[in-house]
Structures are given as C-alpha cells and as structure tokens.
Amino acid sequence: MNIATNFPGPVRDRYAPSPTGLQHIGGIRTALFNYLFARSKGGKFILRLEDTDRTRFDTEFVKNLYDTFDWLGIRWDEGPNTGGPAGPYIQSERTSLYTQYAEELLEKGQAYRCFCSAARLEEVRKEREAAHSGESGYDRRCRDISPEESAQRAKGGEAFTIRLKIPLGENTRFHDYLLGDIEWKNDDINPDPVLLKSDGFPTYHLANVVDDHLMEISHILRAQEWLASTPLHVILYRAFGWDHPEFCHLPMVMGPDGKKLSKRHGATSIDEFRRQGYLPEALLNYVALLGCSWEEGKDLYTLGELEERFSLDKLNKAPGVFDYKKLEWYNGQYIRQKSDAELAALALPWAVGEGLFGAGAPGTEPDAEQRELFTAAMPLIKERLVLLSEVPQKLAYLFAEPPMPEAAEFFPKKADLSQTTALLKMGRALVEALAAMNDEEAENLIKAHAEKEGVKLGDLLMPLRVAITGARISPPLFGSLRLLGARRSLERVDRALAALG
C-alpha cells in the first residue's frame, strides 16, 4: 500500500518537538522516520517548535535541538531557521492564529467559554477523590451557558478559557497505517479539554491541529504514546470541517527489560551519546532499524541508502528494544571505516580534554610531533575501538611513562620472579631489532627466538608487553615498539627490570 496516494498533493510531514528538554532517542527516531519518509517520497520535511509550554521552555533546549540535528546531518526543508511558505514555524509567534480559530469554533457552537477558576476545578477534584468517584476531568459546568450570557460575561471582563465541545454518546473512528481501524468512545476522551487558556496561549491540541492544517501536513508519524490524543484531534478536525492527515503511530522504544526506554537503562539524550564518543552515522543507522525490518543480511546503511529504501511497510507493530551492545557494535563498524587521519581528527577532542598531550593537564593541544604520533597510533587501536572516549586511556602509554605495575602483572602463567626476569632480559635483547621491523618480520623473529630458547611465545611476550605499555592487555606490542622507538622502549624495559630487582 502506498500511503502517499491517500492524500492529495505531495507528502509533507513534520517533527514538532517541544523545547522543554534535551533531544533523546525517542524524539530522534520520530524525526528520522519523518525525514526518511519525506525523502523516500520526494516530499518535504518540516521542523516546527511547539513552545506553548512557557513554564518549561528554555532557549538552551532550542540550541540543543539545532546542534543535535546539525551533528546528525539531518536537514529540514522548512523550519524556524530556514524559513518557508508556511511560516512562522514557532508556535509562540502564531498566537493570533489560534485565537482566531478558537473563536471560529465558538461561533460554530463547537466550543464554549469556561469561566471556572482553578480553585473551583481543584475543589471538584478533591470532592471526587473524597467520594472515591470514578469520574475525572472537567465536569462540563459551563457547557450549557447560553451564547448570549457567555458573550456578556466575557465582555464584562470575567476571565475564561475556551473548551472544545466533545460530542457525547458517539464514537470517533479513524485509520492508522500501522494499527489499522481504530474506534474510540467519545465518553472516554478527556471531557471538553481546554483549547485556549485564559492568558491567550493555546493548548497543545489546538495549536497542533491548526498548524498541521495550515502547513498542509499530509502525514503524521509519531510515537504510539500519542495515540490517545488522536481521537480528540480527529474531533477537532471535523469541528473545523477539515480533512485530517494520515496517521501512523510508531512502535515504542523499550529498554531490555520491556519497559519504556529511560535513564535507568543508560544514556538516552543524544548529548550523552556524543560525550561517550558515538559517531552520528552509527547512531542514525541503529535508530533507523529500531522497530523496523530492512533487508535480510544487511546491517550497515548510509543515510542516502536509508532515504532511498525507507517504507512504512517496513515498520513493525511490536516495540523496538534498544540494545546498547548492538549500538556499540555499529559504532565499532563505522570507526573501522575511517582513515587514520579521519579517526585521529574525530578522537582529538577527547585526547585534549583528558590531558593526553599535557601530562594530564586538560585542554593542552598537541604539538606537531605529538599530533603525528597520535595519528600514527590509530592503526594500533582502530580494530578494537568501540567509543572515541576510549582513545586517551588506550594511548596514554605513548605520551607519558605508564605507572609501574605490581610485579605479579609481569609474570606469565606458572612463572616466578627469576623466570620472569630472565624472559624480560631475553625480550630486551630483541627490542632494537623489533622496533625496526614490520609486524610480520617482528613476529617471525620473536617466534624463532622463543623456539631457540625453548620458551612459549606468550611467556616471552607478556613481560615485554607490560614493561612497554604498563598493562597485560594493550594495543599491539610490535606497533608500540615502532612508535616509541628503540631508545624509549629500552629505557622502559630497564626501568621494569630495576623494579623487579
């Protein structure tokens, strides 16, 4: 089924975040699916800021939104910072429109003024609570006030909100692309919700519907948590006499425990993933596969490939489970696709931040020699690197003398101190030659030496590795010897021998 044919005109969809928090995985996936759907149909992807919640609004969250999408490489066709024919794209700049359309519903008899104070609404709530009533929401006290009395009271300066008149005793039906035909009892909908607040600001429901209509949004792709709002929105569209867009409620993103993804599972904000050293292409690739079935046997997709191949038919009804280990795998795959120079440039901010080039002083930039060594070290760690944030710790031994490990760290399995010292002296005799060889030559040399001396290759390598890198598990030894050079390598071996006594 080609959903795009169900709506006249070109595909126009949108991401409409509320700038009341940082961008997180769930929001990014919604934005990505809207972006991919628009691109796959040759349509337009629109950004709209729904900033009517002024108590939680913060310009820092707007900046975070722009920074996040710039980092991810997702561009909208119309939006607050790009303009477009349906602007403005910030709801706080459209308040006169919402007042106009709320008054239109008043004139049609589809809405009414409510003069109930916040204190009265709280009193009703407490009375119901005390009576253990199953009722909730507004009690519709002002619903039957005559239009004449309502207008007179408003003219007299009495504060009011405007509420939608939900048709009672009826059902609201609509079709969802993923979930099929849905029917909702109007009596189960929030009773006569507020459309326009007493301060003149719209609620989410009015602003959302008016903007989607005026911006000619053809398809609404959003998380299934918004499904309960859809009957109310359909009623609003019908009250205005408008056709509503096509709906597709996306499967939720869950943690491994089957509960909605949250901070208790790990990182959720894109800023956190960036700080940990994930690449944008890895994050986009993985998120695009959450709750979505693509090609069998293919895991890695460029953004261009995702744009070409995306289809709503690929969506699953079942929730997507966010697997941090799988995301790490994707990140490792994209890291290995980078050239040494590209990877060094990407990892440099973490190295500077950790003080890799300044003896532990954060913020110290590398000099020319350090920068050259840093780039040359990328092949040593690229194959096992998962996060960019791991780079400073993995390469610290190249830029400063590593702390001397405990003696036991040098010992191969079943070896004692005298045997370990003999093995390290044996390795020392080979350092100068190994530092001048490529990996294959070095491996052949040390294997032949181990056979000649009648020792296991691993036993010969272990104390030498610990002396050079300061750890039993480290980047490749032969590459480390080449980068450090024979003189520095010998100094480290001698230092280790002295420590072992």
Protein backbone atom coordinates (compact mmCIF):
# COMPACT_ATOMS: atom_id res chain seq x y z
CA MET A 1 0.00 0.00 0.00
CA ASN A 2 1.36 3.41 -0.95
CA ILE A 3 0.14 5.66 1.82
CA ALA A 4 1.21 8.77 -0.07
CA THR A 5 -1.64 8.26 -2.58
CA ASN A 6 -4.28 8.61 0.15
CA PHE A 7 -3.74 12.35 0.48
CA PRO A 8 -3.99 14.92 -2.31
CA GLY A 9 -0.79 16.72 -3.14
CA PRO A 10 2.83 15.98 -2.21
CA VAL A 11 3.99 14.38 1.02
CA ARG A 12 4.59 16.91 3.78
CA ASP A 13 5.44 15.63 7.24
CA ARG A 14 6.97 17.23 10.30
CA TYR A 15 8.89 16.88 13.53
CA ALA A 16 7.26 19.09 16.12
CA PRO A 17 9.23 18.95 19.39
CA SER A 18 8.53 20.96 22.50
CA PRO A 19 11.80 22.67 23.55
CA THR A 20 11.43 21.66 27.19
CA GLY A 21 14.32 19.18 27.39
CA LEU A 22 17.29 17.70 25.58
CA GLN A 23 16.83 15.71 22.38
CA HIS A 24 16.61 12.00 23.18
CA ILE A 25 16.46 8.69 21.36
CA GLY A 26 12.67 8.52 21.09
CA GLY A 27 12.37 12.00 19.61
CA ILE A 28 15.28 11.47 17.25
CA ARG A 29 13.75 8.27 15.93
CA THR A 30 10.43 10.07 15.28
CA ALA A 31 12.30 12.84 13.47
CA LEU A 32 14.38 10.36 11.49
CA PHE A 33 11.37 8.33 10.31
CA ASN A 34 9.58 11.52 9.23
CA TYR A 35 12.70 12.70 7.44
CA LEU A 36 13.24 9.35 5.68
CA PHE A 37 9.58 9.06 4.68
CA ALA A 38 9.57 12.55 3.16
CA ARG A 39 12.83 11.88 1.30
CA SER A 40 11.65 8.49 0.05
CA LYS A 41 8.53 10.14 -1.46
CA GLY A 42 10.20 13.26 -2.81
CA GLY A 43 8.28 15.32 -0.26
CA LYS A 44 9.06 17.99 2.32
CA PHE A 45 10.26 17.52 5.90
CA ILE A 46 9.32 20.37 8.23
CA LEU A 47 10.52 21.39 11.69
CA ARG A 48 8.06 23.19 13.95
CA LEU A 49 8.78 24.31 17.50
CA GLU A 50 5.80 23.77 19.80
CA ASP A 51 6.86 26.19 22.52
CA THR A 52 3.50 26.99 24.09
CA ASP A 53 4.57 25.46 27.43
CA ARG A 54 6.29 28.63 28.58
CA THR A 55 6.93 27.38 32.13
CA ARG A 56 9.38 24.71 30.90
CA PHE A 57 10.65 26.44 27.76
CA ASP A 58 14.38 27.23 27.61
CA THR A 59 16.42 28.67 24.75
CA GLU A 60 19.19 26.20 25.66
CA PHE A 61 16.89 23.39 24.58
CA VAL A 62 16.32 25.12 21.24
CA LYS A 63 20.10 25.37 20.77
CA ASN A 64 20.43 21.70 21.69
CA LEU A 65 17.85 20.84 19.04
CA TYR A 66 19.74 22.64 16.28
CA ASP A 67 23.14 21.32 17.43
CA THR A 68 21.85 17.74 17.56
CA PHE A 69 20.43 17.72 14.04
CA ASP A 70 23.45 19.51 12.66
CA TRP A 71 25.64 16.78 14.19
CA LEU A 72 23.40 14.03 12.82
CA GLY A 73 23.33 15.58 9.37
CA ILE A 74 19.53 15.75 9.14
CA ARG A 75 18.26 18.87 7.32
CA TRP A 76 14.69 20.10 7.18
CA ASP A 77 13.19 21.80 4.13
CA GLU A 78 11.19 24.32 6.14
CA GLY A 79 11.67 25.48 9.69
CA PRO A 80 12.39 28.33 12.11
CA ASN A 81 15.97 28.85 10.95
CA THR A 82 15.39 28.12 7.26
CA GLY A 83 12.05 29.78 6.58
CA GLY A 84 9.41 28.55 4.17
CA PRO A 85 5.99 29.37 2.73
CA ALA A 86 4.01 28.22 5.80
CA GLY A 87 5.88 30.16 8.49
CA PRO A 88 6.36 31.24 11.11
CA TYR A 89 7.40 27.80 12.37
CA ILE A 90 7.44 28.69 16.07
CA GLN A 91 4.08 28.44 17.81
CA SER A 92 4.62 31.39 20.16
CA GLU A 93 4.79 33.55 17.02
CA ARG A 94 1.40 32.27 15.81
CA THR A 95 -0.83 33.04 18.82
CA SER A 96 -3.18 35.35 16.92
CA LEU A 97 -3.99 32.46 14.59
CA TYR A 98 -5.02 30.21 17.47
CA THR A 99 -7.27 32.89 18.93
CA GLN A 100 -8.88 33.34 15.52
CA TYR A 101 -9.59 29.64 15.11
CA ALA A 102 -10.79 29.17 18.70
CA GLU A 103 -13.29 31.97 18.13
CA GLU A 104 -14.37 30.29 14.90
CA LEU A 105 -15.29 27.18 16.89
CA LEU A 106 -17.20 29.35 19.36
CA GLU A 107 -19.24 30.83 16.50
CA LYS A 108 -19.94 27.35 15.12
CA GLY A 109 -21.13 26.09 18.51
CA GLN A 110 -18.30 23.54 18.58
CA ALA A 111 -16.64 25.18 21.61
CA TYR A 112 -17.67 27.29 24.61
CA ARG A 113 -16.24 29.68 27.15
CA CYS A 114 -15.49 28.23 30.56
CA PHE A 115 -15.44 30.66 33.49
CA CYS A 116 -14.43 28.12 36.15
CA SER A 117 -11.46 29.20 38.23
CA ALA A 118 -8.51 26.99 39.01
CA ALA A 119 -9.67 26.93 42.61
CA ARG A 120 -13.08 25.56 41.64
CA LEU A 121 -11.55 22.87 39.43
CA GLU A 122 -9.31 21.80 42.30
CA GLU A 123 -12.31 21.69 44.63
CA VAL A 124 -14.19 19.39 42.21
CA ARG A 125 -11.15 17.12 42.03
CA LYS A 126 -10.91 16.86 45.82
CA GLU A 127 -14.65 16.18 46.20
CA ARG A 128 -14.45 13.33 43.69
CA GLU A 129 -11.39 11.95 45.41
CA ALA A 130 -13.12 12.02 48.79
CA ALA A 131 -16.18 10.28 47.31
CA HIS A 132 -13.98 7.69 45.55
CA SER A 133 -15.66 8.71 42.31
CA GLY A 134 -14.51 7.18 39.05
CA GLU A 135 -15.09 10.47 37.23
CA SER A 136 -12.16 12.56 36.11
CA GLY A 137 -11.55 15.74 34.16
CA TYR A 138 -13.83 18.72 33.75
CA ASP A 139 -17.46 18.40 34.91
CA ARG A 140 -18.80 20.48 31.97
CA ARG A 141 -20.41 23.04 34.25
CA CYS A 142 -20.14 25.86 31.69
CA ARG A 143 -21.10 23.77 28.65
CA ASP A 144 -24.76 24.81 28.65
CA ILE A 145 -24.30 28.52 29.35
CA SER A 146 -26.13 30.35 26.56
CA PRO A 147 -24.00 32.08 23.93
CA GLU A 148 -25.57 35.41 24.93
CA GLU A 149 -24.69 35.05 28.62
CA SER A 150 -21.23 33.78 27.73
CA ALA A 151 -20.52 36.77 25.49
CA GLN A 152 -21.87 39.19 28.13
CA ARG A 153 -19.67 37.75 30.89
CA ALA A 154 -16.60 37.85 28.67
CA LYS A 155 -17.37 41.45 27.73
CA GLY A 156 -17.63 42.26 31.42
CA GLY A 157 -14.02 41.22 31.90
CA GLU A 158 -14.56 37.83 33.50
CA ALA A 159 -11.59 35.50 32.87
CA PHE A 160 -12.31 32.44 30.76
CA THR A 161 -10.82 29.59 28.80
CA ILE A 162 -12.24 28.14 25.60
CA ARG A 163 -13.13 24.44 25.70
CA LEU A 164 -13.94 22.01 22.91
CA LYS A 165 -17.48 20.63 22.99
CA ILE A 166 -16.89 16.88 22.68
CA PRO A 167 -19.93 15.20 21.00
CA LEU A 168 -21.44 12.97 23.69
CA GLY A 169 -22.71 9.43 23.24
CA GLU A 170 -20.81 8.96 19.97
CA ASN A 171 -17.74 7.08 18.79
CA THR A 172 -14.82 8.53 16.86
CA ARG A 173 -13.24 6.38 14.17
CA PHE A 174 -10.02 6.84 12.26
CA HIS A 175 -7.48 4.71 10.40
CA ASP A 176 -3.87 4.25 11.43
CA TYR A 177 -1.47 2.93 8.80
CA LEU A 178 0.26 0.58 11.21
CA LEU A 179 -2.52 -0.25 13.69
CA GLY A 180 -5.47 -0.37 11.31
CA ASP A 181 -9.01 0.91 12.01
CA ILE A 182 -9.45 2.37 15.48
CA GLU A 183 -12.68 3.28 17.25
CA TRP A 184 -12.81 5.32 20.44
CA LYS A 185 -15.79 6.13 22.65
CA ASN A 186 -16.13 9.89 22.99
CA ASP A 187 -17.19 9.40 26.61
CA ASP A 188 -13.67 8.05 27.27
CA ILE A 189 -12.00 11.17 25.86
CA ASN A 190 -10.78 13.91 28.21
CA PRO A 191 -14.05 15.81 28.93
CA ASP A 192 -14.20 19.05 26.94
CA PRO A 193 -10.49 19.89 27.02
CA VAL A 194 -9.23 23.47 27.05
CA LEU A 195 -8.23 24.79 23.63
CA LEU A 196 -7.30 28.35 24.54
CA LYS A 197 -6.03 29.28 28.00
CA SER A 198 -7.05 32.41 29.88
CA ASP A 199 -3.70 34.03 29.02
CA GLY A 200 -4.45 33.67 25.31
CA PHE A 201 -1.99 30.84 24.74
CA PRO A 202 -3.29 27.72 23.05
CA THR A 203 -3.03 24.24 24.46
CA TYR A 204 -1.09 21.61 22.57
CA HIS A 205 -4.22 20.17 20.94
CA LEU A 206 -5.49 23.37 19.30
CA ALA A 207 -2.08 24.58 18.16
CA ASN A 208 -1.12 21.16 16.83
CA VAL A 209 -4.25 20.73 14.73
CA VAL A 210 -4.34 24.30 13.41
CA ASP A 211 -0.67 24.24 12.47
CA ASP A 212 -0.83 20.84 10.79
CA HIS A 213 -3.77 22.05 8.71
CA LEU A 214 -2.27 25.41 7.73
CA MET A 215 1.12 23.86 6.99
CA GLU A 216 -0.65 21.26 4.79
CA ILE A 217 0.82 18.32 6.69
CA SER A 218 -0.20 15.20 4.81
CA HIS A 219 1.14 12.53 7.17
CA ILE A 220 1.64 12.43 10.92
CA LEU A 221 4.25 9.91 12.08
CA ARG A 222 4.56 9.98 15.85
CA ALA A 223 5.08 7.65 18.80
CA GLN A 224 2.26 5.40 19.95
CA GLU A 225 2.14 7.23 23.27
CA TRP A 226 0.25 9.97 21.37
CA LEU A 227 -2.42 7.53 20.18
CA ALA A 228 -4.80 8.54 23.00
CA SER A 229 -4.73 12.17 21.74
CA THR A 230 -5.69 11.23 18.20
CA PRO A 231 -9.48 10.84 18.72
CA LEU A 232 -9.54 14.33 20.22
CA HIS A 233 -7.60 15.69 17.25
CA VAL A 234 -9.93 13.96 14.79
CA ILE A 235 -12.91 15.57 16.55
CA LEU A 236 -11.16 18.95 16.25
CA TYR A 237 -10.53 18.49 12.53
CA ARG A 238 -14.17 17.60 11.99
CA ALA A 239 -15.33 20.55 14.09
CA PHE A 240 -13.43 22.84 11.73
CA GLY A 241 -14.68 20.95 8.68
CA TRP A 242 -11.16 19.89 7.67
CA ASP A 243 -9.77 16.58 6.44
CA HIS A 244 -7.22 15.19 8.86
CA PRO A 245 -3.79 13.92 7.76
CA GLU A 246 -2.92 10.25 7.51
CA PHE A 247 -1.86 8.83 10.89
CA CYS A 248 0.92 6.35 11.60
CA HIS A 249 1.74 5.75 15.24
CA LEU A 250 5.25 4.37 15.53
CA PRO A 251 6.17 1.46 17.81
CA MET A 252 7.65 2.45 21.15
CA VAL A 253 11.33 2.18 22.05
CA MET A 254 11.81 -0.10 25.05
CA GLY A 255 14.71 -0.99 27.29
CA PRO A 256 15.94 -4.59 27.56
CA ASP A 257 13.52 -5.12 30.49
CA GLY A 258 10.48 -4.40 28.31
CA LYS A 259 9.79 -1.02 29.91
CA LYS A 260 9.90 2.32 28.10
CA LEU A 261 13.48 3.41 27.48
CA SER A 262 14.64 5.79 30.21
CA LYS A 263 17.74 6.94 32.05
CA ARG A 264 17.67 3.86 34.26
CA HIS A 265 18.68 1.82 31.21
CA GLY A 266 21.62 4.07 30.31
CA ALA A 267 22.17 7.07 28.07
CA THR A 268 19.04 8.41 26.36
CA SER A 269 19.88 12.01 25.41
CA ILE A 270 21.87 12.49 22.23
CA ASP A 271 24.29 14.72 24.17
CA GLU A 272 25.18 11.73 26.37
CA PHE A 273 25.88 9.54 23.35
CA ARG A 274 28.04 12.28 21.85
CA ARG A 275 30.03 12.66 25.09
CA GLN A 276 30.66 8.91 25.17
CA GLY A 277 32.11 9.01 21.68
CA TYR A 278 29.45 7.59 19.38
CA LEU A 279 29.54 8.55 15.71
CA PRO A 280 26.42 10.16 14.21
CA GLU A 281 26.26 7.66 11.34
CA ALA A 282 26.31 4.75 13.78
CA LEU A 283 23.51 6.26 15.86
CA LEU A 284 21.38 7.04 12.79
CA ASN A 285 21.94 3.58 11.30
CA TYR A 286 20.99 1.82 14.52
CA VAL A 287 17.98 4.02 15.33
CA ALA A 288 16.64 3.55 11.79
CA LEU A 289 16.43 -0.20 12.49
CA LEU A 290 14.55 0.14 15.80
CA GLY A 291 11.08 -1.32 15.24
CA CYS A 292 11.75 -1.52 11.53
CA SER A 293 12.62 -4.52 9.31
CA TRP A 294 15.04 -3.84 6.48
CA GLU A 295 16.96 -6.25 4.23
CA GLU A 296 17.94 -9.68 5.43
CA GLY A 297 21.68 -9.97 5.94
CA LYS A 298 22.45 -6.25 5.63
CA ASP A 299 23.21 -4.13 8.69
CA LEU A 300 25.08 -1.03 7.54
CA TYR A 301 23.26 1.69 5.61
CA THR A 302 24.37 5.17 4.65
CA LEU A 303 21.88 7.98 5.18
CA GLY A 304 21.41 8.12 1.41
CA GLU A 305 20.54 4.42 1.31
CA LEU A 306 18.08 4.86 4.15
CA GLU A 307 16.42 7.74 2.30
CA GLU A 308 16.02 5.63 -0.85
CA ARG A 309 14.83 2.43 0.81
CA PHE A 310 12.61 3.60 3.67
CA SER A 311 9.00 2.49 3.60
CA LEU A 312 6.22 2.46 6.18
CA ASP A 313 5.70 -1.17 5.17
CA LYS A 314 8.98 -1.93 6.96
CA LEU A 315 7.58 -0.84 10.34
CA ASN A 316 6.80 -3.45 12.98
CA LYS A 317 3.82 -3.25 15.31
CA ALA A 318 5.92 -4.61 18.16
CA PRO A 319 8.08 -2.16 20.13
CA GLY A 320 11.76 -1.80 19.29
CA VAL A 321 14.19 -2.86 22.03
CA PHE A 322 17.18 -0.57 22.46
CA ASP A 323 20.31 -2.70 22.75
CA TYR A 324 23.35 -0.70 23.89
CA LYS A 325 25.71 -3.54 22.98
CA LYS A 326 24.33 -3.61 19.44
CA LEU A 327 24.81 0.15 19.17
CA GLU A 328 28.42 -0.30 20.31
CA TRP A 329 28.88 -2.86 17.53
CA TYR A 330 27.60 -0.36 14.98
CA ASN A 331 29.90 2.32 16.34
CA GLY A 332 32.88 -0.01 16.07
CA GLN A 333 32.00 -0.83 12.47
CA TYR A 334 31.89 2.84 11.49
CA ILE A 335 35.10 3.60 13.38
CA ARG A 336 36.88 0.94 11.33
CA GLN A 337 35.69 2.58 8.12
CA LYS A 338 37.55 5.79 8.98
CA SER A 339 41.01 6.55 7.66
CA ASP A 340 43.73 7.06 10.28
CA ALA A 341 43.63 10.82 9.73
CA GLU A 342 39.81 10.94 9.99
CA LEU A 343 39.79 8.87 13.17
CA ALA A 344 42.54 10.99 14.73
CA ALA A 345 40.60 14.17 13.98
CA LEU A 346 37.42 12.70 15.49
CA ALA A 347 39.19 11.45 18.62
CA LEU A 348 41.32 14.54 19.18
CA PRO A 349 38.77 16.44 21.35
CA TRP A 350 38.71 13.54 23.85
CA ALA A 351 42.52 13.36 23.90
CA VAL A 352 42.80 17.11 24.53
CA GLY A 353 40.05 17.02 27.14
CA GLU A 354 41.78 14.22 29.06
CA GLY A 355 45.16 15.98 29.01
CA LEU A 356 46.85 13.34 26.86
CA PHE A 357 49.28 15.91 25.42
CA GLY A 358 49.93 17.90 28.54
CA ALA A 359 50.97 15.39 31.20
CA GLY A 360 47.39 15.15 32.41
CA ALA A 361 46.57 18.85 32.01
CA PRO A 362 43.15 19.02 30.25
CA GLY A 363 42.91 21.40 27.33
CA THR A 364 46.52 21.14 26.20
CA GLU A 365 46.72 20.99 22.41
CA PRO A 366 49.30 18.67 20.81
CA ASP A 367 52.46 19.99 19.24
CA ALA A 368 53.42 18.84 15.73
CA GLU A 369 55.34 15.80 16.97
CA GLN A 370 52.56 14.70 19.32
CA ARG A 371 49.94 15.15 16.60
CA GLU A 372 51.98 13.00 14.22
CA LEU A 373 52.38 10.28 16.86
CA PHE A 374 48.67 10.42 17.69
CA THR A 375 47.68 9.85 14.05
CA ALA A 376 50.29 7.13 13.62
CA ALA A 377 48.83 5.29 16.64
CA MET A 378 45.33 4.96 15.18
CA PRO A 379 46.03 1.59 13.46
CA LEU A 380 47.03 0.14 16.84
CA ILE A 381 43.58 0.73 18.38
CA LYS A 382 41.17 1.00 15.44
CA GLU A 383 40.23 -2.68 15.24
CA ARG A 384 39.24 -2.92 18.92
CA LEU A 385 37.97 0.61 19.48
CA VAL A 386 34.30 0.94 20.41
CA LEU A 387 33.97 4.56 21.59
CA LEU A 388 36.03 7.64 20.79
CA SER A 389 36.18 8.39 24.51
CA GLU A 390 38.35 5.26 24.97
CA VAL A 391 41.21 6.68 22.89
CA PRO A 392 43.06 8.70 25.60
CA GLN A 393 43.21 5.76 28.01
CA LYS A 394 44.30 3.31 25.29
CA LEU A 395 47.14 5.58 24.08
CA ALA A 396 48.26 7.17 27.35
CA TYR A 397 51.39 4.96 27.50
CA LEU A 398 52.71 6.50 24.25
CA PHE A 399 52.70 10.06 25.61
CA ALA A 400 53.85 9.53 29.20
CA GLU A 401 55.61 6.88 31.22
CA PRO A 402 52.93 4.47 32.44
CA PRO A 403 52.76 3.78 36.19
CA MET A 404 54.89 0.79 37.17
CA PRO A 405 52.58 -2.22 37.62
CA GLU A 406 52.83 -4.65 40.53
CA ALA A 407 55.46 -7.34 39.98
CA ALA A 408 52.79 -10.04 39.57
CA GLU A 409 51.48 -8.29 36.46
CA PHE A 410 54.70 -9.19 34.63
CA PHE A 411 54.52 -12.90 35.48
CA PRO A 412 53.39 -15.31 32.76
CA LYS A 413 51.24 -18.18 33.98
CA LYS A 414 53.17 -20.52 36.34
CA ALA A 415 56.33 -18.34 36.14
CA ASP A 416 58.13 -16.95 39.19
CA LEU A 417 60.21 -13.81 39.61
CA SER A 418 63.53 -15.23 38.40
CA GLN A 419 61.91 -16.83 35.35
CA THR A 420 60.05 -13.61 34.52
CA THR A 421 63.22 -11.55 34.85
CA ALA A 422 65.06 -13.96 32.53
CA LEU A 423 62.22 -13.72 29.98
CA LEU A 424 62.27 -9.92 30.11
CA LYS A 425 66.05 -9.84 29.59
CA MET A 426 65.56 -12.19 26.65
CA GLY A 427 62.97 -9.78 25.20
CA ARG A 428 65.23 -6.80 25.83
CA ALA A 429 67.88 -8.29 23.56
CA LEU A 430 65.34 -8.20 20.72
CA VAL A 431 63.87 -4.72 21.27
CA GLU A 432 66.19 -2.81 18.95
CA ALA A 433 65.56 -5.20 16.08
CA LEU A 434 61.79 -5.43 16.70
CA ALA A 435 61.42 -1.64 16.73
CA ALA A 436 62.81 -1.50 13.17
CA MET A 437 60.61 -4.26 11.72
CA ASN A 438 57.08 -4.52 10.36
CA ASP A 439 54.60 -6.81 12.14
CA GLU A 440 55.29 -9.89 10.03
CA GLU A 441 59.06 -9.59 10.38
CA ALA A 442 58.81 -8.96 14.11
CA GLU A 443 56.54 -11.94 14.64
CA ASN A 444 58.86 -14.24 12.71
CA LEU A 445 61.87 -13.04 14.71
CA ILE A 446 60.34 -13.45 18.14
CA LYS A 447 58.79 -16.84 17.27
CA ALA A 448 62.16 -18.12 16.11
CA HIS A 449 63.81 -16.82 19.28
CA ALA A 450 61.17 -18.43 21.51
CA GLU A 451 61.74 -21.78 19.78
CA LYS A 452 65.51 -21.44 20.05
CA GLU A 453 65.32 -20.69 23.79
CA GLY A 454 62.68 -23.36 24.42
CA VAL A 455 60.07 -20.97 25.86
CA LYS A 456 56.44 -20.35 24.99
CA LEU A 457 55.87 -17.37 22.70
CA GLY A 458 53.17 -15.96 25.02
CA ASP A 459 55.51 -16.23 28.02
CA LEU A 460 58.19 -14.32 26.17
CA LEU A 461 55.79 -11.58 25.05
CA MET A 462 53.98 -11.00 28.37
CA PRO A 463 56.70 -9.30 30.48
CA LEU A 464 57.87 -7.28 27.49
CA ARG A 465 54.32 -6.06 26.81
CA VAL A 466 53.82 -5.00 30.44
CA ALA A 467 57.20 -3.21 30.50
CA ILE A 468 56.40 -1.26 27.32
CA THR A 469 52.69 -0.44 27.80
CA GLY A 470 52.20 -0.79 31.55
CA ALA A 471 49.39 -3.35 31.14
CA ARG A 472 48.80 -7.01 30.29
CA ILE A 473 46.05 -6.01 27.85
CA SER A 474 47.18 -3.27 25.48
CA PRO A 475 47.43 -2.21 21.85
CA PRO A 476 49.69 -4.42 19.68
CA LEU A 477 53.20 -4.73 21.06
CA PHE A 478 55.16 -4.59 17.81
CA GLY A 479 53.42 -1.40 16.66
CA SER A 480 54.01 0.13 20.09
CA LEU A 481 57.75 -0.63 19.87
CA ARG A 482 57.94 1.05 16.46
CA LEU A 483 56.14 4.19 17.64
CA LEU A 484 58.12 4.52 20.86
CA GLY A 485 61.41 3.75 19.11
CA ALA A 486 64.25 1.56 20.34
CA ARG A 487 65.70 4.07 22.81
CA ARG A 488 62.47 4.80 24.71
CA SER A 489 61.49 1.12 24.59
CA LEU A 490 64.81 0.02 26.07
CA GLU A 491 64.50 2.63 28.81
CA ARG A 492 61.12 1.17 29.79
CA VAL A 493 62.45 -2.39 29.84
CA ASP A 494 65.41 -1.32 32.00
CA ARG A 495 63.06 0.52 34.33
CA ALA A 496 60.94 -2.63 34.65
CA LEU A 497 63.98 -4.81 35.30
CA ALA A 498 65.10 -2.43 38.04
CA ALA A 499 61.64 -2.54 39.62
CA LEU A 500 61.69 -6.34 39.54
CA GLY A 501 65.07 -6.30 41.29
